[in-house]
Every structure is written in structure tokens, then in C-alpha cells.
Amino acid sequence: MSGILFPDVEAPDLHVMSFNIRRRFDRVTWPPADRWPTRKQRLRTFLSATRPHLLGSQEAMPDQARWVRDSLGSSYGYLGAGRGKDRGGEGTPLFYDRDRIAVDDWRQVALSDTPDVPGSTGWGNAIPRIAVIAHLRDRATGARFTFVNTHFDAFSRRARRRSATWLHDLVAAQDGPLLFTADVNAHVRSSELAAMFAGGLLVDTWSYAPVRRTAEWGTFNNYAAPRVGARRIDALLATPDVGVRAVGIDPRPTGTQWPSDHLPVQAVVRIPGATSS
């Protein structure tokens, strides 16, 4: 694959991506482009060429998470389990380049009033929704930061509003820089998600970046030609102290088709406290 949006990102900058890789379904109820056996190699080709330092993914079944990790390369690890009561099933794993990123600690929570109960629901979401929250350190610079990756509910506006408030409260309660990746299932700047930005605690990297490598494509293209002006439902947010260098949404297929029904959102950022190169 040629024409990578952000090749050779070096310290003190970090290459970050949010990518809903599309859950594998065993029953064939979608067009051929959606079938995991026919698109898994496209996903591997894209990831092995792109290799972000940090990848927040959504809709990953356990075998898909392992496929993503192996596609990124032997230096990568991941954090996160499934959203079910037994911590199985679909998850929102966070992948990281172990040569660049160290994990101080991490946890997985449910987006509910009982966050420590696996498989718990509430807020209007009938399906369990989870978030991975990791405290990380940049090995190259020593900078410490928090990374949050999640997937807001697809069916309930009330659940999305409550999830946006949860995120705001999480950021307000912690110190230091933070990165957030998610499929938020509504336009990032929609009124129902306004709580994410209340008080200026978080910024939309797309709006904040001095350089945009692409047009603002809608990120749910469903294996069709992407459209400018369609909803950007995949978020990559940061606290204002994070230096956002550039952003992009890669609209191109890998070969003749796309690896997922979503497009990947990418950013190059600099965490405060990083040493100068």
C-alpha cells in the first residue's frame, strides 16, 4: 500500500488512530465486501503499512483483536477484553507499540451506573458498552498521559448523551493530558454529544489541527464511495494541552475494497512534557 498519510512519525510526535474494524458475523447477511474472510487480509495490509503508535479500535471480537495485533507487528500489545458478563465477545481494545509506549496501569469499565460490573447496561443502552482506560508513558520522551477508547451506543440518543457526560466527568476528575478515541455513533460535533466539550476540557483534533491531510470525509461509508459532508462519527479528541500537529481521514480502499465499513481517523500529536527532537 502506498501513499500512507503519516509515514515515519518520530519522537516527540505520536501517530494515533481510531478505527472501527467491523465485527465479524458468522451468518452471511451482508454484501460480500463485509465478510470477514474476504476483508481480513485488506485490514492486515492497511495496518502493517500504517502502524500507528496507538490504535483505539471498536467492534473487535477476540480473534479479530489477535489478527489486528499480529498485523501491526511483533512489537505491539493490546489492552481490553470483551463486553460480556464473562468478559468475552465484542470489545474495544487499545493497541500500542511497546517499543514506544509503556503501560503504567489500565482498567476496563462498563458505560453504566455499575461500571465495575462486567456486562452491565443502563443509560438507555440495551447492549453492554465498555471503555478501556489506560495510563501510558512515552518511552522516547518520558511524557505520561491517559488514553480512553470506547464505542457509544448505536441505538439510543439518551445513552449517547449520558456517555458524553461520563467522558466529560472522567476528564474533569483526572490530571494531565488525555487522548480519546471512539465510534460515537453521532456526528462528533452534534448537540447530543456537546457535553464532551463542556468547559473546554476536550477539543476535537479535527477542528484543532493546523494541518489537515484530507477532506472531512464521513467516516461510516459502509463499503461505498466516501462522501465529504457526511457524518464524522469516529472521534479523536484530546485535552487542550496536547499539541495536535496534523489530522486525516483515509478514504481510499485497500486494493479494490475497504477493510471495514468505517474509515480510519488519524492524528499526529505531541504530548506535553515531551523532550524536543
C-alpha atoms as a PDB file:
ATOM      1  CA  MET A   1       0.000   0.000   0.000  1.00  0.00           C
ATOM      2  CA  SER A   2       1.414   3.392  -0.963  1.00  0.00           C
ATOM      3  CA  GLY A   3       0.588   6.952  -0.029  1.00  0.00           C
ATOM      4  CA  ILE A   4       0.402   6.497   3.766  1.00  0.00           C
ATOM      5  CA  LEU A   5      -0.986   9.672   5.324  1.00  0.00           C
ATOM      6  CA  PHE A   6       1.601   9.863   8.096  1.00  0.00           C
ATOM      7  CA  PRO A   7       4.770   7.927   7.250  1.00  0.00           C
ATOM      8  CA  ASP A   8       7.744   7.782   9.608  1.00  0.00           C
ATOM      9  CA  VAL A   9       6.323   9.714  12.574  1.00  0.00           C
ATOM     10  CA  GLU A  10       9.174  10.119  15.061  1.00  0.00           C
ATOM     11  CA  ALA A  11       9.540  11.323  18.648  1.00  0.00           C
ATOM     12  CA  PRO A  12       8.435  13.552  20.196  1.00  0.00           C
ATOM     13  CA  ASP A  13       5.357  13.129  17.960  1.00  0.00           C
ATOM     14  CA  LEU A  14       2.951  10.212  18.236  1.00  0.00           C
ATOM     15  CA  HIS A  15       0.792   8.716  15.491  1.00  0.00           C
ATOM     16  CA  VAL A  16      -2.699   7.919  16.822  1.00  0.00           C
ATOM     17  CA  MET A  17      -5.636   6.225  15.093  1.00  0.00           C
ATOM     18  CA  SER A  18      -9.297   5.464  15.795  1.00  0.00           C
ATOM     19  CA  PHE A  19     -10.687   2.639  13.666  1.00  0.00           C
ATOM     20  CA  ASN A  20     -13.896   0.630  13.927  1.00  0.00           C
ATOM     21  CA  ILE A  21     -12.770  -2.594  12.269  1.00  0.00           C
ATOM     22  CA  ARG A  22     -16.324  -4.005  11.941  1.00  0.00           C
ATOM     23  CA  ARG A  23     -17.385  -7.015  13.942  1.00  0.00           C
ATOM     24  CA  ARG A  24     -17.124 -10.420  12.337  1.00  0.00           C
ATOM     25  CA  PHE A  25     -20.504 -12.037  11.707  1.00  0.00           C
ATOM     26  CA  ASP A  26     -20.639 -15.753  11.057  1.00  0.00           C
ATOM     27  CA  ARG A  27     -24.002 -15.592   9.289  1.00  0.00           C
ATOM     28  CA  VAL A  28     -23.777 -14.115   5.796  1.00  0.00           C
ATOM     29  CA  THR A  29     -26.398 -11.379   5.877  1.00  0.00           C
ATOM     30  CA  TRP A  30     -24.365  -8.555   4.348  1.00  0.00           C
ATOM     31  CA  PRO A  31     -22.785  -7.943   0.959  1.00  0.00           C
ATOM     32  CA  PRO A  32     -19.621  -9.879   0.127  1.00  0.00           C
ATOM     33  CA  ALA A  33     -17.451  -6.855   0.973  1.00  0.00           C
ATOM     34  CA  ASP A  34     -18.437  -7.230   4.647  1.00  0.00           C
ATOM     35  CA  ARG A  35     -17.439 -10.857   5.020  1.00  0.00           C
ATOM     36  CA  TRP A  36     -14.530 -11.177   7.404  1.00  0.00           C
ATOM     37  CA  PRO A  37     -12.702 -13.917   5.451  1.00  0.00           C
ATOM     38  CA  THR A  38     -12.674 -11.688   2.363  1.00  0.00           C
ATOM     39  CA  ARG A  39     -11.596  -8.458   4.092  1.00  0.00           C
ATOM     40  CA  LYS A  40      -9.232  -9.585   6.861  1.00  0.00           C
ATOM     41  CA  GLN A  41      -6.246  -9.529   4.518  1.00  0.00           C
ATOM     42  CA  ARG A  42      -7.136  -5.989   3.409  1.00  0.00           C
ATOM     43  CA  LEU A  43      -7.133  -4.950   7.060  1.00  0.00           C
ATOM     44  CA  ARG A  44      -3.744  -6.609   7.563  1.00  0.00           C
ATOM     45  CA  THR A  45      -2.293  -4.860   4.534  1.00  0.00           C
ATOM     46  CA  PHE A  46      -3.514  -1.472   5.739  1.00  0.00           C
ATOM     47  CA  LEU A  47      -2.367  -1.883   9.333  1.00  0.00           C
ATOM     48  CA  SER A  48       1.023  -3.362   8.541  1.00  0.00           C
ATOM     49  CA  ALA A  49       1.723  -0.396   6.263  1.00  0.00           C
ATOM     50  CA  THR A  50       0.314   2.299   8.563  1.00  0.00           C
ATOM     51  CA  ARG A  51       1.487   1.094  12.024  1.00  0.00           C
ATOM     52  CA  PRO A  52       0.275   3.882  14.310  1.00  0.00           C
ATOM     53  CA  HIS A  53       1.897   4.074  17.727  1.00  0.00           C
ATOM     54  CA  LEU A  54      -1.587   3.926  19.293  1.00  0.00           C
ATOM     55  CA  LEU A  55      -4.775   2.457  17.863  1.00  0.00           C
ATOM     56  CA  GLY A  56      -8.162   2.646  19.535  1.00  0.00           C
ATOM     57  CA  SER A  57     -10.340   0.031  17.822  1.00  0.00           C
ATOM     58  CA  GLN A  58     -14.012  -0.854  18.100  1.00  0.00           C
ATOM     59  CA  GLU A  59     -16.125  -3.945  17.357  1.00  0.00           C
ATOM     60  CA  ALA A  60     -13.217  -6.357  17.731  1.00  0.00           C
ATOM     61  CA  MET A  61     -14.065  -9.960  18.520  1.00  0.00           C
ATOM     62  CA  PRO A  62     -11.243 -11.838  20.326  1.00  0.00           C
ATOM     63  CA  ASP A  63      -9.912 -13.483  17.161  1.00  0.00           C
ATOM     64  CA  GLN A  64     -10.078 -10.146  15.353  1.00  0.00           C
ATOM     65  CA  ALA A  65      -8.121  -8.432  18.131  1.00  0.00           C
ATOM     66  CA  ARG A  66      -5.403 -11.040  17.755  1.00  0.00           C
ATOM     67  CA  TRP A  67      -5.465 -10.538  13.984  1.00  0.00           C
ATOM     68  CA  VAL A  68      -5.037  -6.785  14.408  1.00  0.00           C
ATOM     69  CA  ARG A  69      -2.149  -7.230  16.844  1.00  0.00           C
ATOM     70  CA  ASP A  70      -0.380  -9.683  14.547  1.00  0.00           C
ATOM     71  CA  SER A  71      -0.990  -7.396  11.568  1.00  0.00           C
ATOM     72  CA  LEU A  72       0.619  -4.451  13.351  1.00  0.00           C
ATOM     73  CA  GLY A  73       3.723  -6.465  14.161  1.00  0.00           C
ATOM     74  CA  SER A  74       5.574  -8.277  16.920  1.00  0.00           C
ATOM     75  CA  SER A  75       6.326  -5.074  18.866  1.00  0.00           C
ATOM     76  CA  TYR A  76       2.617  -4.432  19.524  1.00  0.00           C
ATOM     77  CA  GLY A  77       0.488  -5.361  22.503  1.00  0.00           C
ATOM     78  CA  TYR A  78      -3.130  -4.661  23.362  1.00  0.00           C
ATOM     79  CA  LEU A  79      -5.354  -3.957  26.342  1.00  0.00           C
ATOM     80  CA  GLY A  80      -9.013  -4.861  26.708  1.00  0.00           C
ATOM     81  CA  ALA A  81     -11.445  -7.750  26.841  1.00  0.00           C
ATOM     82  CA  GLY A  82     -14.980  -8.364  25.642  1.00  0.00           C
ATOM     83  CA  ARG A  83     -18.089  -6.550  26.832  1.00  0.00           C
ATOM     84  CA  GLY A  84     -19.988  -9.624  28.053  1.00  0.00           C
ATOM     85  CA  LYS A  85     -20.528 -10.785  31.628  1.00  0.00           C
ATOM     86  CA  ASP A  86     -17.702 -13.274  31.128  1.00  0.00           C
ATOM     87  CA  ARG A  87     -15.565 -10.526  29.503  1.00  0.00           C
ATOM     88  CA  GLY A  88     -15.953 -12.332  26.204  1.00  0.00           C
ATOM     89  CA  GLY A  89     -17.366 -11.185  22.886  1.00  0.00           C
ATOM     90  CA  GLU A  90     -17.002  -7.840  21.167  1.00  0.00           C
ATOM     91  CA  GLY A  91     -14.520  -5.400  22.657  1.00  0.00           C
ATOM     92  CA  THR A  92     -12.818  -2.027  22.273  1.00  0.00           C
ATOM     93  CA  PRO A  93      -9.141  -2.977  22.578  1.00  0.00           C
ATOM     94  CA  LEU A  94      -6.359  -0.438  22.646  1.00  0.00           C
ATOM     95  CA  PHE A  95      -3.269  -1.415  20.652  1.00  0.00           C
ATOM     96  CA  TYR A  96       0.122   0.122  21.385  1.00  0.00           C
ATOM     97  CA  ASP A  97       3.683  -0.097  20.067  1.00  0.00           C
ATOM     98  CA  ARG A  98       5.644  -1.493  23.013  1.00  0.00           C
ATOM     99  CA  ASP A  99       8.888  -0.067  21.627  1.00  0.00           C
ATOM    100  CA  ARG A 100       7.419   3.414  22.048  1.00  0.00           C
ATOM    101  CA  ILE A 101       4.695   3.107  24.721  1.00  0.00           C
ATOM    102  CA  ALA A 102       4.832   1.690  28.256  1.00  0.00           C
ATOM    103  CA  VAL A 103       1.699   0.845  30.253  1.00  0.00           C
ATOM    104  CA  ASP A 104       1.647   2.078  33.850  1.00  0.00           C
ATOM    105  CA  ASP A 105      -1.823   0.668  34.550  1.00  0.00           C
ATOM    106  CA  TRP A 106      -5.207   0.221  32.892  1.00  0.00           C
ATOM    107  CA  ARG A 107      -8.776  -0.824  33.520  1.00  0.00           C
ATOM    108  CA  GLN A 108     -11.931  -1.652  31.615  1.00  0.00           C
ATOM    109  CA  VAL A 109     -15.288  -0.249  32.713  1.00  0.00           C
ATOM    110  CA  ALA A 110     -18.892  -0.591  31.639  1.00  0.00           C
ATOM    111  CA  LEU A 111     -20.752   2.518  30.498  1.00  0.00           C
ATOM    112  CA  SER A 112     -23.422   2.113  33.152  1.00  0.00           C
ATOM    113  CA  ASP A 113     -24.213   3.073  36.745  1.00  0.00           C
ATOM    114  CA  THR A 114     -22.252  -0.025  37.799  1.00  0.00           C
ATOM    115  CA  PRO A 115     -19.033   0.412  35.809  1.00  0.00           C
ATOM    116  CA  ASP A 116     -17.157  -2.345  37.627  1.00  0.00           C
ATOM    117  CA  VAL A 117     -19.801  -4.987  36.840  1.00  0.00           C
ATOM    118  CA  PRO A 118     -18.915  -6.763  33.573  1.00  0.00           C
ATOM    119  CA  GLY A 119     -21.808  -6.892  31.128  1.00  0.00           C
ATOM    120  CA  SER A 120     -23.852  -4.255  32.945  1.00  0.00           C
ATOM    121  CA  THR A 121     -26.121  -1.923  30.992  1.00  0.00           C
ATOM    122  CA  GLY A 122     -28.087   1.249  31.618  1.00  0.00           C
ATOM    123  CA  TRP A 123     -28.468   4.806  30.398  1.00  0.00           C
ATOM    124  CA  GLY A 124     -30.697   3.513  27.582  1.00  0.00           C
ATOM    125  CA  ASN A 125     -28.259   1.047  26.055  1.00  0.00           C
ATOM    126  CA  ALA A 126     -29.675  -2.478  25.975  1.00  0.00           C
ATOM    127  CA  ILE A 127     -26.315  -3.810  24.750  1.00  0.00           C
ATOM    128  CA  PRO A 128     -23.328  -3.570  27.119  1.00  0.00           C
ATOM    129  CA  ARG A 129     -20.937  -0.758  26.226  1.00  0.00           C
ATOM    130  CA  ILE A 130     -17.402  -0.599  27.592  1.00  0.00           C
ATOM    131  CA  ALA A 131     -14.364   1.636  27.714  1.00  0.00           C
ATOM    132  CA  VAL A 132     -10.670   0.891  28.104  1.00  0.00           C
ATOM    133  CA  ILE A 133      -8.836   3.496  30.198  1.00  0.00           C
ATOM    134  CA  ALA A 134      -5.039   3.270  30.171  1.00  0.00           C
ATOM    135  CA  HIS A 135      -2.319   5.311  31.852  1.00  0.00           C
ATOM    136  CA  LEU A 136       0.626   5.318  29.490  1.00  0.00           C
ATOM    137  CA  ARG A 137       4.180   6.611  29.228  1.00  0.00           C
ATOM    138  CA  ASP A 138       6.060   7.591  26.083  1.00  0.00           C
ATOM    139  CA  ARG A 139       9.354   5.708  26.325  1.00  0.00           C
ATOM    140  CA  ALA A 140      11.051   8.189  23.984  1.00  0.00           C
ATOM    141  CA  THR A 141      10.175  11.328  25.910  1.00  0.00           C
ATOM    142  CA  GLY A 142       9.027  10.285  29.361  1.00  0.00           C
ATOM    143  CA  ALA A 143       5.676  12.057  28.881  1.00  0.00           C
ATOM    144  CA  ARG A 144       2.755  10.454  30.743  1.00  0.00           C
ATOM    145  CA  PHE A 145      -0.851  10.577  29.578  1.00  0.00           C
ATOM    146  CA  THR A 146      -4.217   8.834  29.702  1.00  0.00           C
ATOM    147  CA  PHE A 147      -5.795   7.080  26.725  1.00  0.00           C
ATOM    148  CA  VAL A 148      -9.524   6.258  26.615  1.00  0.00           C
ATOM    149  CA  ASN A 149     -11.111   4.120  23.899  1.00  0.00           C
ATOM    150  CA  THR A 150     -14.805   3.260  23.686  1.00  0.00           C
ATOM    151  CA  HIS A 151     -17.882   2.765  21.495  1.00  0.00           C
ATOM    152  CA  PHE A 152     -21.039   4.746  22.257  1.00  0.00           C
ATOM    153  CA  ASP A 153     -24.430   3.139  21.772  1.00  0.00           C
ATOM    154  CA  ALA A 154     -25.775   2.955  18.227  1.00  0.00           C
ATOM    155  CA  PHE A 155     -29.489   2.960  19.065  1.00  0.00           C
ATOM    156  CA  SER A 156     -30.163   5.289  21.998  1.00  0.00           C
ATOM    157  CA  ARG A 157     -29.627   9.049  21.920  1.00  0.00           C
ATOM    158  CA  ARG A 158     -30.086   9.090  25.688  1.00  0.00           C
ATOM    159  CA  ALA A 159     -27.263   6.597  26.083  1.00  0.00           C
ATOM    160  CA  ARG A 160     -25.002   8.665  23.851  1.00  0.00           C
ATOM    161  CA  ARG A 161     -25.781  11.840  25.803  1.00  0.00           C
ATOM    162  CA  ARG A 162     -25.087  10.081  29.090  1.00  0.00           C
ATOM    163  CA  SER A 163     -21.874   8.614  27.695  1.00  0.00           C
ATOM    164  CA  ALA A 164     -20.748  12.081  26.608  1.00  0.00           C
ATOM    165  CA  THR A 165     -21.365  13.342  30.145  1.00  0.00           C
ATOM    166  CA  TRP A 166     -19.455  10.360  31.559  1.00  0.00           C
ATOM    167  CA  LEU A 167     -16.471  11.282  29.396  1.00  0.00           C
ATOM    168  CA  HIS A 168     -16.591  14.925  30.492  1.00  0.00           C
ATOM    169  CA  ASP A 169     -16.707  13.872  34.152  1.00  0.00           C
ATOM    170  CA  LEU A 170     -13.849  11.421  33.656  1.00  0.00           C
ATOM    171  CA  VAL A 171     -11.637  14.115  32.142  1.00  0.00           C
ATOM    172  CA  ALA A 172     -12.589  16.622  34.842  1.00  0.00           C
ATOM    173  CA  ALA A 173     -11.597  14.184  37.572  1.00  0.00           C
ATOM    174  CA  GLN A 174      -8.133  13.348  36.257  1.00  0.00           C
ATOM    175  CA  ASP A 175      -4.905  15.300  35.907  1.00  0.00           C
ATOM    176  CA  GLY A 176      -2.633  15.510  32.901  1.00  0.00           C
ATOM    177  CA  PRO A 177      -3.051  15.105  29.161  1.00  0.00           C
ATOM    178  CA  LEU A 178      -5.613  12.712  27.718  1.00  0.00           C
ATOM    179  CA  LEU A 179      -6.410  11.218  24.312  1.00  0.00           C
ATOM    180  CA  PHE A 180      -9.831   9.812  23.434  1.00  0.00           C
ATOM    181  CA  THR A 181     -10.800   7.567  20.525  1.00  0.00           C
ATOM    182  CA  ALA A 182     -14.261   6.177  19.820  1.00  0.00           C
ATOM    183  CA  ASP A 183     -17.037   5.388  17.449  1.00  0.00           C
ATOM    184  CA  VAL A 184     -19.534   7.810  18.994  1.00  0.00           C
ATOM    185  CA  ASN A 185     -22.402   6.906  16.588  1.00  0.00           C
ATOM    186  CA  ALA A 186     -23.366  10.552  16.021  1.00  0.00           C
ATOM    187  CA  HIS A 187     -21.595  13.440  14.372  1.00  0.00           C
ATOM    188  CA  VAL A 188     -18.709  14.371  16.646  1.00  0.00           C
ATOM    189  CA  ARG A 189     -19.932  17.975  16.848  1.00  0.00           C
ATOM    190  CA  SER A 190     -23.643  17.150  17.216  1.00  0.00           C
ATOM    191  CA  SER A 191     -25.732  18.660  20.001  1.00  0.00           C
ATOM    192  CA  GLU A 192     -26.314  15.280  21.636  1.00  0.00           C
ATOM    193  CA  LEU A 193     -22.563  14.959  22.266  1.00  0.00           C
ATOM    194  CA  ALA A 194     -21.994  18.566  23.350  1.00  0.00           C
ATOM    195  CA  ALA A 195     -21.198  17.508  26.923  1.00  0.00           C
ATOM    196  CA  MET A 196     -17.882  16.077  25.700  1.00  0.00           C
ATOM    197  CA  PHE A 197     -16.680  19.621  25.045  1.00  0.00           C
ATOM    198  CA  ALA A 198     -18.290  21.394  28.017  1.00  0.00           C
ATOM    199  CA  GLY A 199     -15.913  23.744  29.761  1.00  0.00           C
ATOM    200  CA  GLY A 200     -13.276  23.300  27.077  1.00  0.00           C
ATOM    201  CA  LEU A 201     -11.861  20.195  28.771  1.00  0.00           C
ATOM    202  CA  LEU A 202     -11.598  18.377  25.425  1.00  0.00           C
ATOM    203  CA  VAL A 203     -11.043  19.538  21.864  1.00  0.00           C
ATOM    204  CA  ASP A 204     -11.854  17.889  18.563  1.00  0.00           C
ATOM    205  CA  THR A 205      -8.485  17.270  16.931  1.00  0.00           C
ATOM    206  CA  TRP A 206     -10.062  17.755  13.512  1.00  0.00           C
ATOM    207  CA  SER A 207     -11.092  21.309  14.368  1.00  0.00           C
ATOM    208  CA  TYR A 208      -7.907  21.990  16.346  1.00  0.00           C
ATOM    209  CA  ALA A 209      -5.273  20.799  13.878  1.00  0.00           C
ATOM    210  CA  PRO A 210      -3.235  23.319  11.863  1.00  0.00           C
ATOM    211  CA  VAL A 211      -2.830  20.765   9.050  1.00  0.00           C
ATOM    212  CA  ARG A 212      -5.488  18.515   7.516  1.00  0.00           C
ATOM    213  CA  ARG A 213      -4.099  15.919   5.138  1.00  0.00           C
ATOM    214  CA  THR A 214      -7.533  15.077   3.700  1.00  0.00           C
ATOM    215  CA  ALA A 215     -11.031  16.410   3.288  1.00  0.00           C
ATOM    216  CA  GLU A 216     -13.528  15.870   6.116  1.00  0.00           C
ATOM    217  CA  TRP A 217     -14.943  12.590   4.903  1.00  0.00           C
ATOM    218  CA  GLY A 218     -17.910  10.940   6.542  1.00  0.00           C
ATOM    219  CA  THR A 219     -16.396   8.051   8.458  1.00  0.00           C
ATOM    220  CA  PHE A 220     -19.190   5.476   8.047  1.00  0.00           C
ATOM    221  CA  ASN A 221     -19.104   4.768   4.331  1.00  0.00           C
ATOM    222  CA  ASN A 222     -20.428   1.170   4.550  1.00  0.00           C
ATOM    223  CA  TYR A 223     -18.172  -0.081   1.733  1.00  0.00           C
ATOM    224  CA  ALA A 224     -19.367   2.631  -0.656  1.00  0.00           C
ATOM    225  CA  ALA A 225     -17.548   5.645  -2.054  1.00  0.00           C
ATOM    226  CA  PRO A 226     -16.886   8.039   0.856  1.00  0.00           C
ATOM    227  CA  ARG A 227     -18.650  11.413   0.861  1.00  0.00           C
ATOM    228  CA  VAL A 228     -17.483  14.802   2.048  1.00  0.00           C
ATOM    229  CA  GLY A 229     -20.064  16.338   4.357  1.00  0.00           C
ATOM    230  CA  ALA A 230     -21.418  13.012   5.610  1.00  0.00           C
ATOM    231  CA  ARG A 231     -21.378  12.415   9.366  1.00  0.00           C
ATOM    232  CA  ARG A 232     -17.973  12.098  11.026  1.00  0.00           C
ATOM    233  CA  ILE A 233     -18.980   9.619  13.719  1.00  0.00           C
ATOM    234  CA  ASP A 234     -15.491   8.429  14.649  1.00  0.00           C
ATOM    235  CA  ALA A 235     -13.828  10.695  17.184  1.00  0.00           C
ATOM    236  CA  LEU A 236     -10.244  11.501  18.043  1.00  0.00           C
ATOM    237  CA  LEU A 237     -10.260  14.056  20.874  1.00  0.00           C
ATOM    238  CA  ALA A 238      -7.603  15.462  23.176  1.00  0.00           C
ATOM    239  CA  THR A 239      -7.179  17.743  26.142  1.00  0.00           C
ATOM    240  CA  PRO A 240      -6.128  21.249  25.043  1.00  0.00           C
ATOM    241  CA  ASP A 241      -2.592  20.785  26.360  1.00  0.00           C
ATOM    242  CA  VAL A 242      -1.903  18.114  23.722  1.00  0.00           C
ATOM    243  CA  GLY A 243      -0.211  19.556  20.659  1.00  0.00           C
ATOM    244  CA  VAL A 244      -2.157  18.483  17.566  1.00  0.00           C
ATOM    245  CA  ARG A 245       0.181  18.572  14.581  1.00  0.00           C
ATOM    246  CA  ALA A 246      -1.958  17.145  11.772  1.00  0.00           C
ATOM    247  CA  VAL A 247      -5.068  15.044  11.125  1.00  0.00           C
ATOM    248  CA  GLY A 248      -6.526  12.985   8.309  1.00  0.00           C
ATOM    249  CA  ILE A 249      -9.303  10.551   7.368  1.00  0.00           C
ATOM    250  CA  ASP A 250      -8.069   7.975   4.876  1.00  0.00           C
ATOM    251  CA  PRO A 251     -10.852   7.448   2.289  1.00  0.00           C
ATOM    252  CA  ARG A 252      -9.048   5.024   0.000  1.00  0.00           C
ATOM    253  CA  PRO A 253      -9.822   1.348  -0.433  1.00  0.00           C
ATOM    254  CA  THR A 254      -7.087  -1.195   0.120  1.00  0.00           C
ATOM    255  CA  GLY A 255      -6.903  -2.806  -3.272  1.00  0.00           C
ATOM    256  CA  THR A 256     -10.421  -2.999  -4.674  1.00  0.00           C
ATOM    257  CA  GLN A 257     -12.364  -2.646  -1.407  1.00  0.00           C
ATOM    258  CA  TRP A 258     -12.259  -1.189   2.092  1.00  0.00           C
ATOM    259  CA  PRO A 259     -11.110  -3.243   5.097  1.00  0.00           C
ATOM    260  CA  SER A 260     -14.076  -2.051   7.196  1.00  0.00           C
ATOM    261  CA  ASP A 261     -17.393  -0.246   6.891  1.00  0.00           C
ATOM    262  CA  HIS A 262     -15.751   2.687   8.705  1.00  0.00           C
ATOM    263  CA  LEU A 263     -12.828   4.869   7.660  1.00  0.00           C
ATOM    264  CA  PRO A 264      -9.833   5.288   9.984  1.00  0.00           C
ATOM    265  CA  VAL A 265      -9.301   8.680  11.628  1.00  0.00           C
ATOM    266  CA  GLN A 266      -5.672   9.597  12.283  1.00  0.00           C
ATOM    267  CA  ALA A 267      -3.726  12.334  14.031  1.00  0.00           C
ATOM    268  CA  VAL A 268      -0.145  13.231  14.818  1.00  0.00           C
ATOM    269  CA  VAL A 269       0.080  14.664  18.319  1.00  0.00           C
ATOM    270  CA  ARG A 270       2.711  15.790  20.807  1.00  0.00           C
ATOM    271  CA  ILE A 271       2.152  15.093  24.499  1.00  0.00           C
ATOM    272  CA  PRO A 272       3.224  17.904  26.831  1.00  0.00           C
ATOM    273  CA  GLY A 273       6.357  17.170  28.767  1.00  0.00           C
ATOM    274  CA  ALA A 274       7.910  15.536  25.726  1.00  0.00           C
ATOM    275  CA  THR A 275      11.524  16.379  25.038  1.00  0.00           C
ATOM    276  CA  SER A 276      12.398  18.235  21.868  1.00  0.00           C
ATOM    277  CA  SER A 277      13.876  16.318  18.986  1.00  0.00           C
END
